[in-house]
Amino acid sequence: MRLPLTEVIVDTAGLPKARLLLAHGAGAGLHSDFMQQLAQQLALLNIEVWRFNFAYMQRFIDSGKRSLPDKMPLLQAEFSRRLDNCPADLPLFTGGKSMGGRVASLLSGHDKVQGIFAFGYPFHPPKKHSWRTEHFAALACPLFIAQGERDAFGSKAELADKSWPQLTLHWLSDGDHDFKPRLKSGLTQQQLIAQAAQFCSREIDEVLLAKQ
């Protein structure tokens, strides 16, 4: 028997042009500062954001007992059910922070999805070279990644010689995995999150224009 889906938080937009189903990363849920700031910035750009917790994260919130994320097939099945339940009144895009973006990218063949956005993609675990990109060669729709230049899960230097046909990378100056720059950069995390949201909005505009 499948468990009921967890709550969804909707960040409404004034004149929504698209809906983004947004998943969290492995260690922090939909109410994290990062997720809230990103959703707010996207909503200002007329993107309606639906945030949700994976079941394992909701169990942690309810019980106070932290656990590892569920296995990837379970996360994919849960995300896919979310997509199935989304209404069709707006163009639908999907994505997430780190692990959430990875799960979304594994569902590129879902017939409702017009594009995928990853905010800090976990290309590999820090200091390890087990890359999580096997499926990139067979993506069924565009994947857009906003990535900090210093991200320990995949830095600009590490990805300089890599490319995939359906993938567009947007680099955030001096950002780490949470888009936090160093003080000497003169930038703030809030600015980089806003830049990531602007990148998302521009790419959504391009996708929608191409479908007209």
Foldseek 3Di string as FASTA:
>chain_A
DDDDFFDKDKDAAPAAQAEEEEAEDFPDACPDPLNVLLQNLLSPLRYIYIGGYDPQVVVCVVPVDHDGDDDLVSVLVSVVVVVVPDDDPHQYAYAYQAVRRLSSQVPQVPPRHAEYEYEQHQQDPQPDDPGSCPCLQPRPHAYEYEHEQAESSAHCVNCVPDDHDRYHYDYQYQQYSLGAHDVVVVDGSSVSSSVSSVVVSVVVVVSVVVVD
